[in-house]
């Protein structure tokens, strides 16, 4: 009988980014890095943040949040992935984008 068999349950948080389903947190953050690097000039808010920080304002922040949602990277999901990968609780969106764009930036 199966009474002596021990069941083990393992759960892992998985993310979705567009057509990519069931991404591990590390893979989700790599997809985010690719997105930031590929769209950095195309999305004005990212360009401002990375290249013209003196122009950063509330409107740019709102645009950034909206573009991230539209591209499957809502802020709450990015925070969750950062918490899992880097063990950091409170990560702001600005730090996440800078780290994604430039490896030399601290991981938040």
PDB file of N, CA and C in Angstrom:
ATOM      1  N   UNK A   1       0.830  -1.178   0.000  1.00  0.00           N
ATOM      2  CA  UNK A   1       0.000   0.000   0.000  1.00  0.00           C
ATOM      3  C   UNK A   1       0.877   1.244   0.000  1.00  0.00           C
ATOM      4  N   UNK A   2       0.265   2.392  -0.111  1.00  0.00           N
ATOM      5  CA  UNK A   2       1.005   3.637  -0.200  1.00  0.00           C
ATOM      6  C   UNK A   2       1.138   4.378   1.111  1.00  0.00           C
ATOM      7  N   UNK A   3       0.898   3.719   2.242  1.00  0.00           N
ATOM      8  CA  UNK A   3       0.941   4.412   3.522  1.00  0.00           C
ATOM      9  C   UNK A   3       2.341   4.850   3.925  1.00  0.00           C
ATOM     10  N   UNK A   4       3.321   4.163   3.461  1.00  0.00           N
ATOM     11  CA  UNK A   4       4.678   4.497   3.846  1.00  0.00           C
ATOM     12  C   UNK A   4       5.344   5.465   2.867  1.00  0.00           C
ATOM     13  N   UNK A   5       4.638   5.843   1.825  1.00  0.00           N
ATOM     14  CA  UNK A   5       5.167   6.772   0.833  1.00  0.00           C
ATOM     15  C   UNK A   5       4.927   8.186   1.339  1.00  0.00           C
ATOM     16  N   UNK A   6       5.960   8.973   1.333  1.00  0.00           N
ATOM     17  CA  UNK A   6       5.858  10.359   1.800  1.00  0.00           C
ATOM     18  C   UNK A   6       5.682  11.277   0.596  1.00  0.00           C
ATOM     19  N   UNK A   7       4.615  12.034   0.605  1.00  0.00           N
ATOM     20  CA  UNK A   7       4.375  13.013  -0.459  1.00  0.00           C
ATOM     21  C   UNK A   7       5.149  14.276  -0.158  1.00  0.00           C
ATOM     22  N   UNK A   8       5.745  14.841  -1.188  1.00  0.00           N
ATOM     23  CA  UNK A   8       6.416  16.120  -1.046  1.00  0.00           C
ATOM     24  C   UNK A   8       5.774  17.100  -2.006  1.00  0.00           C
ATOM     25  N   UNK A   9       5.438  18.263  -1.491  1.00  0.00           N
ATOM     26  CA  UNK A   9       4.821  19.303  -2.294  1.00  0.00           C
ATOM     27  C   UNK A   9       5.779  20.479  -2.330  1.00  0.00           C
ATOM     28  N   UNK A  10       6.025  20.955  -3.516  1.00  0.00           N
ATOM     29  CA  UNK A  10       6.932  22.081  -3.694  1.00  0.00           C
ATOM     30  C   UNK A  10       6.207  23.112  -4.539  1.00  0.00           C
ATOM     31  N   UNK A  11       6.140  24.326  -4.071  1.00  0.00           N
ATOM     32  CA  UNK A  11       5.492  25.355  -4.868  1.00  0.00           C
ATOM     33  C   UNK A  11       6.513  26.415  -5.246  1.00  0.00           C
ATOM     34  N   UNK A  12       6.306  26.984  -6.400  1.00  0.00           N
ATOM     35  CA  UNK A  12       7.213  27.998  -6.912  1.00  0.00           C
ATOM     36  C   UNK A  12       6.378  29.071  -7.584  1.00  0.00           C
ATOM     37  N   UNK A  13       6.719  30.306  -7.350  1.00  0.00           N
ATOM     38  CA  UNK A  13       6.011  31.406  -7.974  1.00  0.00           C
ATOM     39  C   UNK A  13       6.465  31.513  -9.417  1.00  0.00           C
ATOM     40  N   UNK A  14       5.501  31.543 -10.337  1.00  0.00           N
ATOM     41  CA  UNK A  14       5.795  31.659 -11.762  1.00  0.00           C
ATOM     42  C   UNK A  14       5.116  32.908 -12.307  1.00  0.00           C
ATOM     43  N   UNK A  15       5.692  33.461 -13.357  1.00  0.00           N
ATOM     44  CA  UNK A  15       5.212  34.709 -13.939  1.00  0.00           C
ATOM     45  C   UNK A  15       4.909  34.513 -15.422  1.00  0.00           C
ATOM     46  N   UNK A  16       4.130  35.435 -15.956  1.00  0.00           N
ATOM     47  CA  UNK A  16       3.803  35.443 -17.378  1.00  0.00           C
ATOM     48  C   UNK A  16       4.205  36.789 -17.957  1.00  0.00           C
ATOM     49  N   UNK A  17       4.877  36.754 -19.098  1.00  0.00           N
ATOM     50  CA  UNK A  17       5.247  37.982 -19.812  1.00  0.00           C
ATOM     51  C   UNK A  17       4.897  37.775 -21.278  1.00  0.00           C
ATOM     52  N   UNK A  18       3.739  38.268 -21.683  1.00  0.00           N
ATOM     53  CA  UNK A  18       3.311  38.101 -23.063  1.00  0.00           C
ATOM     54  C   UNK A  18       3.045  36.656 -23.390  1.00  0.00           C
ATOM     55  N   UNK A  19       3.717  36.163 -24.393  1.00  0.00           N
ATOM     56  CA  UNK A  19       3.543  34.781 -24.835  1.00  0.00           C
ATOM     57  C   UNK A  19       4.337  33.797 -23.974  1.00  0.00           C
ATOM     58  N   UNK A  20       5.212  34.321 -23.137  1.00  0.00           N
ATOM     59  CA  UNK A  20       6.017  33.465 -22.264  1.00  0.00           C
ATOM     60  C   UNK A  20       5.255  33.194 -20.973  1.00  0.00           C
ATOM     61  N   UNK A  21       4.872  31.956 -20.779  1.00  0.00           N
ATOM     62  CA  UNK A  21       4.128  31.565 -19.588  1.00  0.00           C
ATOM     63  C   UNK A  21       5.029  30.743 -18.683  1.00  0.00           C
ATOM     64  N   UNK A  22       4.697  30.725 -17.421  1.00  0.00           N
ATOM     65  CA  UNK A  22       5.390  29.920 -16.429  1.00  0.00           C
ATOM     66  C   UNK A  22       6.884  30.243 -16.343  1.00  0.00           C
ATOM     67  N   UNK A  23       7.175  31.538 -16.273  1.00  0.00           N
ATOM     68  CA  UNK A  23       8.565  31.965 -16.117  1.00  0.00           C
ATOM     69  C   UNK A  23       8.948  31.960 -14.644  1.00  0.00           C
ATOM     70  N   UNK A  24      10.111  31.430 -14.348  1.00  0.00           N
ATOM     71  CA  UNK A  24      10.657  31.527 -13.002  1.00  0.00           C
ATOM     72  C   UNK A  24      11.000  32.993 -12.749  1.00  0.00           C
ATOM     73  N   UNK A  25      11.077  33.413 -11.497  1.00  0.00           N
ATOM     74  CA  UNK A  25      11.373  34.819 -11.206  1.00  0.00           C
ATOM     75  C   UNK A  25      12.622  35.342 -11.915  1.00  0.00           C
ATOM     76  N   UNK A  26      13.678  34.531 -11.956  1.00  0.00           N
ATOM     77  CA  UNK A  26      14.920  34.963 -12.610  1.00  0.00           C
ATOM     78  C   UNK A  26      14.689  35.194 -14.106  1.00  0.00           C
ATOM     79  N   UNK A  27      13.910  34.311 -14.728  1.00  0.00           N
ATOM     80  CA  UNK A  27      13.623  34.435 -16.159  1.00  0.00           C
ATOM     81  C   UNK A  27      12.720  35.633 -16.440  1.00  0.00           C
ATOM     82  N   UNK A  28      11.785  35.883 -15.534  1.00  0.00           N
ATOM     83  CA  UNK A  28      10.901  37.040 -15.669  1.00  0.00           C
ATOM     84  C   UNK A  28      11.714  38.341 -15.619  1.00  0.00           C
ATOM     85  N   UNK A  29      12.665  38.405 -14.693  1.00  0.00           N
ATOM     86  CA  UNK A  29      13.509  39.604 -14.599  1.00  0.00           C
ATOM     87  C   UNK A  29      14.429  39.733 -15.807  1.00  0.00           C
ATOM     88  N   UNK A  30      14.897  38.619 -16.357  1.00  0.00           N
ATOM     89  CA  UNK A  30      15.701  38.679 -17.589  1.00  0.00           C
ATOM     90  C   UNK A  30      14.844  39.181 -18.755  1.00  0.00           C
ATOM     91  N   UNK A  31      13.598  38.746 -18.826  1.00  0.00           N
ATOM     92  CA  UNK A  31      12.685  39.232 -19.874  1.00  0.00           C
ATOM     93  C   UNK A  31      12.462  40.727 -19.695  1.00  0.00           C
ATOM     94  N   UNK A  32      12.353  41.181 -18.443  1.00  0.00           N
ATOM     95  CA  UNK A  32      12.204  42.607 -18.167  1.00  0.00           C
ATOM     96  C   UNK A  32      13.445  43.380 -18.600  1.00  0.00           C
ATOM     97  N   UNK A  33      14.618  42.829 -18.333  1.00  0.00           N
ATOM     98  CA  UNK A  33      15.862  43.475 -18.769  1.00  0.00           C
ATOM     99  C   UNK A  33      15.887  43.623 -20.286  1.00  0.00           C
ATOM    100  N   UNK A  34      15.528  42.566 -20.996  1.00  0.00           N
ATOM    101  CA  UNK A  34      15.487  42.634 -22.466  1.00  0.00           C
ATOM    102  C   UNK A  34      14.509  43.706 -22.918  1.00  0.00           C
ATOM    103  N   UNK A  35      13.348  43.747 -22.297  1.00  0.00           N
ATOM    104  CA  UNK A  35      12.338  44.741 -22.642  1.00  0.00           C
ATOM    105  C   UNK A  35      12.886  46.152 -22.459  1.00  0.00           C
ATOM    106  N   UNK A  36      13.476  46.430 -21.314  1.00  0.00           N
ATOM    107  CA  UNK A  36      14.006  47.773 -21.032  1.00  0.00           C
ATOM    108  C   UNK A  36      15.093  48.141 -22.031  1.00  0.00           C
ATOM    109  N   UNK A  37      15.983  47.224 -22.321  1.00  0.00           N
ATOM    110  CA  UNK A  37      17.081  47.505 -23.246  1.00  0.00           C
ATOM    111  C   UNK A  37      16.593  47.678 -24.677  1.00  0.00           C
ATOM    112  N   UNK A  38      15.596  46.895 -25.075  1.00  0.00           N
ATOM    113  CA  UNK A  38      15.080  46.993 -26.446  1.00  0.00           C
ATOM    114  C   UNK A  38      14.175  48.201 -26.639  1.00  0.00           C
ATOM    115  N   UNK A  39      13.445  48.581 -25.616  1.00  0.00           N
ATOM    116  CA  UNK A  39      12.458  49.663 -25.734  1.00  0.00           C
ATOM    117  C   UNK A  39      12.919  50.957 -25.098  1.00  0.00           C
ATOM    118  N   UNK A  40      14.147  51.001 -24.615  1.00  0.00           N
ATOM    119  CA  UNK A  40      14.646  52.163 -23.891  1.00  0.00           C
ATOM    120  C   UNK A  40      14.582  53.469 -24.645  1.00  0.00           C
ATOM    121  N   UNK A  41      14.739  53.427 -25.937  1.00  0.00           N
ATOM    122  CA  UNK A  41      14.660  54.660 -26.729  1.00  0.00           C
ATOM    123  C   UNK A  41      13.249  54.892 -27.253  1.00  0.00           C
ATOM    124  N   UNK A  42      12.517  53.809 -27.417  1.00  0.00           N
ATOM    125  CA  UNK A  42      11.166  53.880 -27.972  1.00  0.00           C
ATOM    126  C   UNK A  42      10.140  54.408 -26.959  1.00  0.00           C
ATOM    127  N   UNK A  43      10.284  54.017 -25.709  1.00  0.00           N
ATOM    128  CA  UNK A  43       9.365  54.468 -24.663  1.00  0.00           C
ATOM    129  C   UNK A  43       9.971  55.686 -23.989  1.00  0.00           C
ATOM    130  N   UNK A  44       9.319  56.802 -24.161  1.00  0.00           N
ATOM    131  CA  UNK A  44       9.843  58.091 -23.709  1.00  0.00           C
ATOM    132  C   UNK A  44      10.165  58.099 -22.213  1.00  0.00           C
ATOM    133  N   UNK A  45       9.331  57.498 -21.400  1.00  0.00           N
ATOM    134  CA  UNK A  45       9.568  57.508 -19.955  1.00  0.00           C
ATOM    135  C   UNK A  45      10.866  56.789 -19.594  1.00  0.00           C
ATOM    136  N   UNK A  46      11.169  55.702 -20.273  1.00  0.00           N
ATOM    137  CA  UNK A  46      12.424  54.992 -20.012  1.00  0.00           C
ATOM    138  C   UNK A  46      13.602  55.830 -20.491  1.00  0.00           C
ATOM    139  N   UNK A  47      13.464  56.456 -21.655  1.00  0.00           N
ATOM    140  CA  UNK A  47      14.529  57.316 -22.179  1.00  0.00           C
ATOM    141  C   UNK A  47      14.807  58.471 -21.227  1.00  0.00           C
ATOM    142  N   UNK A  48      13.758  59.068 -20.693  1.00  0.00           N
ATOM    143  CA  UNK A  48      13.941  60.166 -19.740  1.00  0.00           C
ATOM    144  C   UNK A  48      14.661  59.664 -18.495  1.00  0.00           C
ATOM    145  N   UNK A  49      14.190  58.571 -17.952  1.00  0.00           N
ATOM    146  CA  UNK A  49      14.771  58.031 -16.726  1.00  0.00           C
ATOM    147  C   UNK A  49      16.252  57.703 -16.888  1.00  0.00           C
ATOM    148  N   UNK A  50      16.598  57.111 -18.014  1.00  0.00           N
ATOM    149  CA  UNK A  50      17.969  56.655 -18.205  1.00  0.00           C
ATOM    150  C   UNK A  50      18.906  57.714 -18.760  1.00  0.00           C
ATOM    151  N   UNK A  51      18.376  58.616 -19.595  1.00  0.00           N
ATOM    152  CA  UNK A  51      19.253  59.547 -20.306  1.00  0.00           C
ATOM    153  C   UNK A  51      19.069  61.020 -19.938  1.00  0.00           C
ATOM    154  N   UNK A  52      17.908  61.360 -19.431  1.00  0.00           N
ATOM    155  CA  UNK A  52      17.624  62.759 -19.111  1.00  0.00           C
ATOM    156  C   UNK A  52      16.909  62.872 -17.756  1.00  0.00           C
ATOM    157  N   UNK A  53      17.531  62.400 -16.693  1.00  0.00           N
ATOM    158  CA  UNK A  53      16.841  62.325 -15.401  1.00  0.00           C
ATOM    159  C   UNK A  53      16.319  63.666 -14.879  1.00  0.00           C
ATOM    160  N   UNK A  54      16.885  64.763 -15.323  1.00  0.00           N
ATOM    161  CA  UNK A  54      16.384  66.077 -14.879  1.00  0.00           C
ATOM    162  C   UNK A  54      14.980  66.357 -15.403  1.00  0.00           C
ATOM    163  N   UNK A  55      14.586  65.647 -16.466  1.00  0.00           N
ATOM    164  CA  UNK A  55      13.251  65.819 -17.028  1.00  0.00           C
ATOM    165  C   UNK A  55      12.220  64.885 -16.382  1.00  0.00           C
ATOM    166  N   UNK A  56      12.670  64.044 -15.456  1.00  0.00           N
ATOM    167  CA  UNK A  56      11.775  63.089 -14.818  1.00  0.00           C
ATOM    168  C   UNK A  56      10.689  63.833 -14.039  1.00  0.00           C
ATOM    169  N   UNK A  57       9.454  63.390 -14.194  1.00  0.00           N
ATOM    170  CA  UNK A  57       8.333  64.013 -13.497  1.00  0.00           C
ATOM    171  C   UNK A  57       7.210  62.992 -13.309  1.00  0.00           C
ATOM    172  N   UNK A  58       6.138  63.439 -12.699  1.00  0.00           N
ATOM    173  CA  UNK A  58       5.006  62.555 -12.426  1.00  0.00           C
ATOM    174  C   UNK A  58       4.398  62.003 -13.708  1.00  0.00           C
ATOM    175  N   UNK A  59       4.339  62.802 -14.732  1.00  0.00           N
ATOM    176  CA  UNK A  59       3.786  62.343 -16.007  1.00  0.00           C
ATOM    177  C   UNK A  59       4.627  61.193 -16.584  1.00  0.00           C
ATOM    178  N   UNK A  60       5.940  61.324 -16.518  1.00  0.00           N
ATOM    179  CA  UNK A  60       6.825  60.255 -17.004  1.00  0.00           C
ATOM    180  C   UNK A  60       6.645  58.989 -16.168  1.00  0.00           C
ATOM    181  N   UNK A  61       6.514  59.142 -14.866  1.00  0.00           N
ATOM    182  CA  UNK A  61       6.302  57.984 -13.994  1.00  0.00           C
ATOM    183  C   UNK A  61       4.992  57.283 -14.354  1.00  0.00           C
ATOM    184  N   UNK A  62       3.932  58.044 -14.560  1.00  0.00           N
ATOM    185  CA  UNK A  62       2.647  57.457 -14.935  1.00  0.00           C
ATOM    186  C   UNK A  62       2.726  56.749 -16.284  1.00  0.00           C
ATOM    187  N   UNK A  63       3.442  57.363 -17.248  1.00  0.00           N
ATOM    188  CA  UNK A  63       3.621  56.720 -18.554  1.00  0.00           C
ATOM    189  C   UNK A  63       4.402  55.412 -18.396  1.00  0.00           C
ATOM    190  N   UNK A  64       5.452  55.448 -17.582  1.00  0.00           N
ATOM    191  CA  UNK A  64       6.250  54.246 -17.365  1.00  0.00           C
ATOM    192  C   UNK A  64       5.389  53.124 -16.797  1.00  0.00           C
ATOM    193  N   UNK A  65       4.625  53.436 -15.774  1.00  0.00           N
ATOM    194  CA  UNK A  65       3.759  52.412 -15.170  1.00  0.00           C
ATOM    195  C   UNK A  65       2.776  51.846 -16.189  1.00  0.00           C
ATOM    196  N   UNK A  66       2.178  52.720 -17.000  1.00  0.00           N
ATOM    197  CA  UNK A  66       1.214  52.268 -18.001  1.00  0.00           C
ATOM    198  C   UNK A  66       1.880  51.390 -19.060  1.00  0.00           C
ATOM    199  N   UNK A  67       3.034  51.788 -19.542  1.00  0.00           N
ATOM    200  CA  UNK A  67       3.747  50.992 -20.554  1.00  0.00           C
ATOM    201  C   UNK A  67       4.163  49.637 -20.000  1.00  0.00           C
ATOM    202  N   UNK A  68       4.554  49.610 -18.739  1.00  0.00           N
ATOM    203  CA  UNK A  68       4.924  48.334 -18.131  1.00  0.00           C
ATOM    204  C   UNK A  68       3.719  47.406 -18.039  1.00  0.00           C
ATOM    205  N   UNK A  69       2.576  47.935 -17.654  1.00  0.00           N
ATOM    206  CA  UNK A  69       1.355  47.129 -17.598  1.00  0.00           C
ATOM    207  C   UNK A  69       1.001  46.602 -18.984  1.00  0.00           C
ATOM    208  N   UNK A  70       1.053  47.473 -19.981  1.00  0.00           N
ATOM    209  CA  UNK A  70       0.716  47.079 -21.356  1.00  0.00           C
ATOM    210  C   UNK A  70       1.638  45.984 -21.886  1.00  0.00           C
ATOM    211  N   UNK A  71       2.839  45.918 -21.353  1.00  0.00           N
ATOM    212  CA  UNK A  71       3.829  44.960 -21.842  1.00  0.00           C
ATOM    213  C   UNK A  71       4.080  43.823 -20.852  1.00  0.00           C
ATOM    214  N   UNK A  72       3.114  43.569 -19.978  1.00  0.00           N
ATOM    215  CA  UNK A  72       3.133  42.416 -19.070  1.00  0.00           C
ATOM    216  C   UNK A  72       4.157  42.511 -17.946  1.00  0.00           C
ATOM    217  N   UNK A  73       4.496  43.728 -17.560  1.00  0.00           N
ATOM    218  CA  UNK A  73       5.416  43.916 -16.447  1.00  0.00           C
ATOM    219  C   UNK A  73       4.821  44.879 -15.420  1.00  0.00           C
ATOM    220  N   UNK A  74       3.665  44.524 -14.842  1.00  0.00           N
ATOM    221  CA  UNK A  74       3.094  45.436 -13.832  1.00  0.00           C
ATOM    222  C   UNK A  74       4.017  45.545 -12.628  1.00  0.00           C
ATOM    223  N   UNK A  75       3.996  46.695 -12.036  1.00  0.00           N
ATOM    224  CA  UNK A  75       4.918  47.002 -10.943  1.00  0.00           C
ATOM    225  C   UNK A  75       4.837  45.970  -9.808  1.00  0.00           C
ATOM    226  N   UNK A  76       3.637  45.543  -9.438  1.00  0.00           N
ATOM    227  CA  UNK A  76       3.507  44.596  -8.327  1.00  0.00           C
ATOM    228  C   UNK A  76       4.154  43.242  -8.656  1.00  0.00           C
ATOM    229  N   UNK A  77       4.108  42.826  -9.911  1.00  0.00           N
ATOM    230  CA  UNK A  77       4.755  41.570 -10.311  1.00  0.00           C
ATOM    231  C   UNK A  77       6.276  41.722 -10.309  1.00  0.00           C
ATOM    232  N   UNK A  78       6.760  42.865 -10.778  1.00  0.00           N
ATOM    233  CA  UNK A  78       8.208  43.120 -10.748  1.00  0.00           C
ATOM    234  C   UNK A  78       8.725  43.145  -9.312  1.00  0.00           C
ATOM    235  N   UNK A  79       7.966  43.772  -8.425  1.00  0.00           N
ATOM    236  CA  UNK A  79       8.371  43.806  -7.012  1.00  0.00           C
ATOM    237  C   UNK A  79       8.423  42.400  -6.428  1.00  0.00           C
ATOM    238  N   UNK A  80       7.421  41.594  -6.768  1.00  0.00           N
ATOM    239  CA  UNK A  80       7.378  40.223  -6.262  1.00  0.00           C
ATOM    240  C   UNK A  80       8.595  39.438  -6.756  1.00  0.00           C
ATOM    241  N   UNK A  81       8.920  39.569  -8.026  1.00  0.00           N
ATOM    242  CA  UNK A  81      10.081  38.861  -8.585  1.00  0.00           C
ATOM    243  C   UNK A  81      11.376  39.352  -7.943  1.00  0.00           C
ATOM    244  N   UNK A  82      11.514  40.663  -7.770  1.00  0.00           N
ATOM    245  CA  UNK A  82      12.711  41.207  -7.122  1.00  0.00           C
ATOM    246  C   UNK A  82      12.835  40.703  -5.681  1.00  0.00           C
ATOM    247  N   UNK A  83      11.722  40.626  -4.990  1.00  0.00           N
ATOM    248  CA  UNK A  83      11.756  40.142  -3.607  1.00  0.00           C
ATOM    249  C   UNK A  83      12.258  38.703  -3.563  1.00  0.00           C
ATOM    250  N   UNK A  84      11.799  37.882  -4.483  1.00  0.00           N
ATOM    251  CA  UNK A  84      12.213  36.479  -4.514  1.00  0.00           C
ATOM    252  C   UNK A  84      13.692  36.347  -4.887  1.00  0.00           C
ATOM    253  N   UNK A  85      14.100  37.057  -5.934  1.00  0.00           N
ATOM    254  CA  UNK A  85      15.465  36.903  -6.450  1.00  0.00           C
ATOM    255  C   UNK A  85      16.500  37.616  -5.581  1.00  0.00           C
ATOM    256  N   UNK A  86      16.203  38.840  -5.171  1.00  0.00           N
ATOM    257  CA  UNK A  86      17.194  39.647  -4.463  1.00  0.00           C
ATOM    258  C   UNK A  86      16.929  39.784  -2.963  1.00  0.00           C
ATOM    259  N   UNK A  87      15.855  39.187  -2.475  1.00  0.00           N
ATOM    260  CA  UNK A  87      15.463  39.278  -1.066  1.00  0.00           C
ATOM    261  C   UNK A  87      15.357  40.729  -0.591  1.00  0.00           C
ATOM    262  N   UNK A  88      14.784  41.562  -1.436  1.00  0.00           N
ATOM    263  CA  UNK A  88      14.583  42.975  -1.096  1.00  0.00           C
ATOM    264  C   UNK A  88      13.089  43.240  -1.048  1.00  0.00           C
ATOM    265  N   UNK A  89      12.595  43.779   0.059  1.00  0.00           N
ATOM    266  CA  UNK A  89      11.172  44.011   0.254  1.00  0.00           C
ATOM    267  C   UNK A  89      10.631  45.183  -0.566  1.00  0.00           C
ATOM    268  N   UNK A  90      11.152  46.355  -0.332  1.00  0.00           N
ATOM    269  CA  UNK A  90      10.587  47.562  -0.941  1.00  0.00           C
ATOM    270  C   UNK A  90      11.466  48.060  -2.079  1.00  0.00           C
ATOM    271  N   UNK A  91      11.096  47.717  -3.260  1.00  0.00           N
ATOM    272  CA  UNK A  91      11.862  48.097  -4.439  1.00  0.00           C
ATOM    273  C   UNK A  91      11.030  49.101  -5.227  1.00  0.00           C
ATOM    274  N   UNK A  92      11.644  50.217  -5.610  1.00  0.00           N
ATOM    275  CA  UNK A  92      10.891  51.187  -6.392  1.00  0.00           C
ATOM    276  C   UNK A  92      11.116  50.943  -7.884  1.00  0.00           C
ATOM    277  N   UNK A  93      10.159  51.373  -8.661  1.00  0.00           N
ATOM    278  CA  UNK A  93      10.167  51.113 -10.103  1.00  0.00           C
ATOM    279  C   UNK A  93      11.366  51.767 -10.782  1.00  0.00           C
ATOM    280  N   UNK A  94      11.796  52.909 -10.303  1.00  0.00           N
ATOM    281  CA  UNK A  94      12.940  53.606 -10.893  1.00  0.00           C
ATOM    282  C   UNK A  94      14.207  52.751 -10.751  1.00  0.00           C
ATOM    283  N   UNK A  95      14.438  52.213  -9.562  1.00  0.00           N
ATOM    284  CA  UNK A  95      15.610  51.361  -9.343  1.00  0.00           C
ATOM    285  C   UNK A  95      15.549  50.099 -10.192  1.00  0.00           C
ATOM    286  N   UNK A  96      14.345  49.530 -10.331  1.00  0.00           N
ATOM    287  CA  UNK A  96      14.210  48.312 -11.131  1.00  0.00           C
ATOM    288  C   UNK A  96      14.556  48.564 -12.591  1.00  0.00           C
ATOM    289  N   UNK A  97      14.095  49.680 -13.136  1.00  0.00           N
ATOM    290  CA  UNK A  97      14.385  50.004 -14.539  1.00  0.00           C
ATOM    291  C   UNK A  97      15.864  50.277 -14.720  1.00  0.00           C
ATOM    292  N   UNK A  98      16.467  51.049 -13.829  1.00  0.00           N
ATOM    293  CA  UNK A  98      17.895  51.346 -13.938  1.00  0.00           C
ATOM    294  C   UNK A  98      18.734  50.076 -13.857  1.00  0.00           C
ATOM    295  N   UNK A  99      18.384  49.195 -12.946  1.00  0.00           N
ATOM    296  CA  UNK A  99      19.126  47.939 -12.825  1.00  0.00           C
ATOM    297  C   UNK A  99      18.949  47.079 -14.075  1.00  0.00           C
ATOM    298  N   UNK A 100      17.742  47.064 -14.619  1.00  0.00           N
ATOM    299  CA  UNK A 100      17.494  46.284 -15.848  1.00  0.00           C
ATOM    300  C   UNK A 100      18.283  46.829 -17.025  1.00  0.00           C
ATOM    301  N   UNK A 101      18.449  48.133 -17.079  1.00  0.00           N
ATOM    302  CA  UNK A 101      19.142  48.766 -18.200  1.00  0.00           C
ATOM    303  C   UNK A 101      20.650  48.668 -18.070  1.00  0.00           C
ATOM    304  N   UNK A 102      21.123  48.731 -16.852  1.00  0.00           N
ATOM    305  CA  UNK A 102      22.570  48.768 -16.633  1.00  0.00           C
ATOM    306  C   UNK A 102      22.942  47.799 -15.531  1.00  0.00           C
ATOM    307  N   UNK A 103      23.690  46.813 -15.867  1.00  0.00           N
ATOM    308  CA  UNK A 103      24.091  45.811 -14.879  1.00  0.00           C
ATOM    309  C   UNK A 103      24.900  46.407 -13.745  1.00  0.00           C
ATOM    310  N   UNK A 104      25.545  47.540 -13.989  1.00  0.00           N
ATOM    311  CA  UNK A 104      26.356  48.167 -12.943  1.00  0.00           C
ATOM    312  C   UNK A 104      25.507  48.784 -11.839  1.00  0.00           C
ATOM    313  N   UNK A 105      24.220  49.014 -12.118  1.00  0.00           N
ATOM    314  CA  UNK A 105      23.321  49.560 -11.088  1.00  0.00           C
ATOM    315  C   UNK A 105      23.055  48.470 -10.062  1.00  0.00           C
ATOM    316  N   UNK A 106      22.986  48.842  -8.790  1.00  0.00           N
ATOM    317  CA  UNK A 106      22.674  47.832  -7.767  1.00  0.00           C
ATOM    318  C   UNK A 106      21.288  47.243  -8.003  1.00  0.00           C
ATOM    319  N   UNK A 107      21.074  46.000  -7.593  1.00  0.00           N
ATOM    320  CA  UNK A 107      19.779  45.350  -7.837  1.00  0.00           C
ATOM    321  C   UNK A 107      18.678  45.858  -6.922  1.00  0.00           C
ATOM    322  N   UNK A 108      18.731  47.060  -6.527  1.00  0.00           N
ATOM    323  CA  UNK A 108      17.693  47.725  -5.746  1.00  0.00           C
ATOM    324  C   UNK A 108      17.959  47.664  -4.278  1.00  0.00           C
TER     325      UNK A 108
END
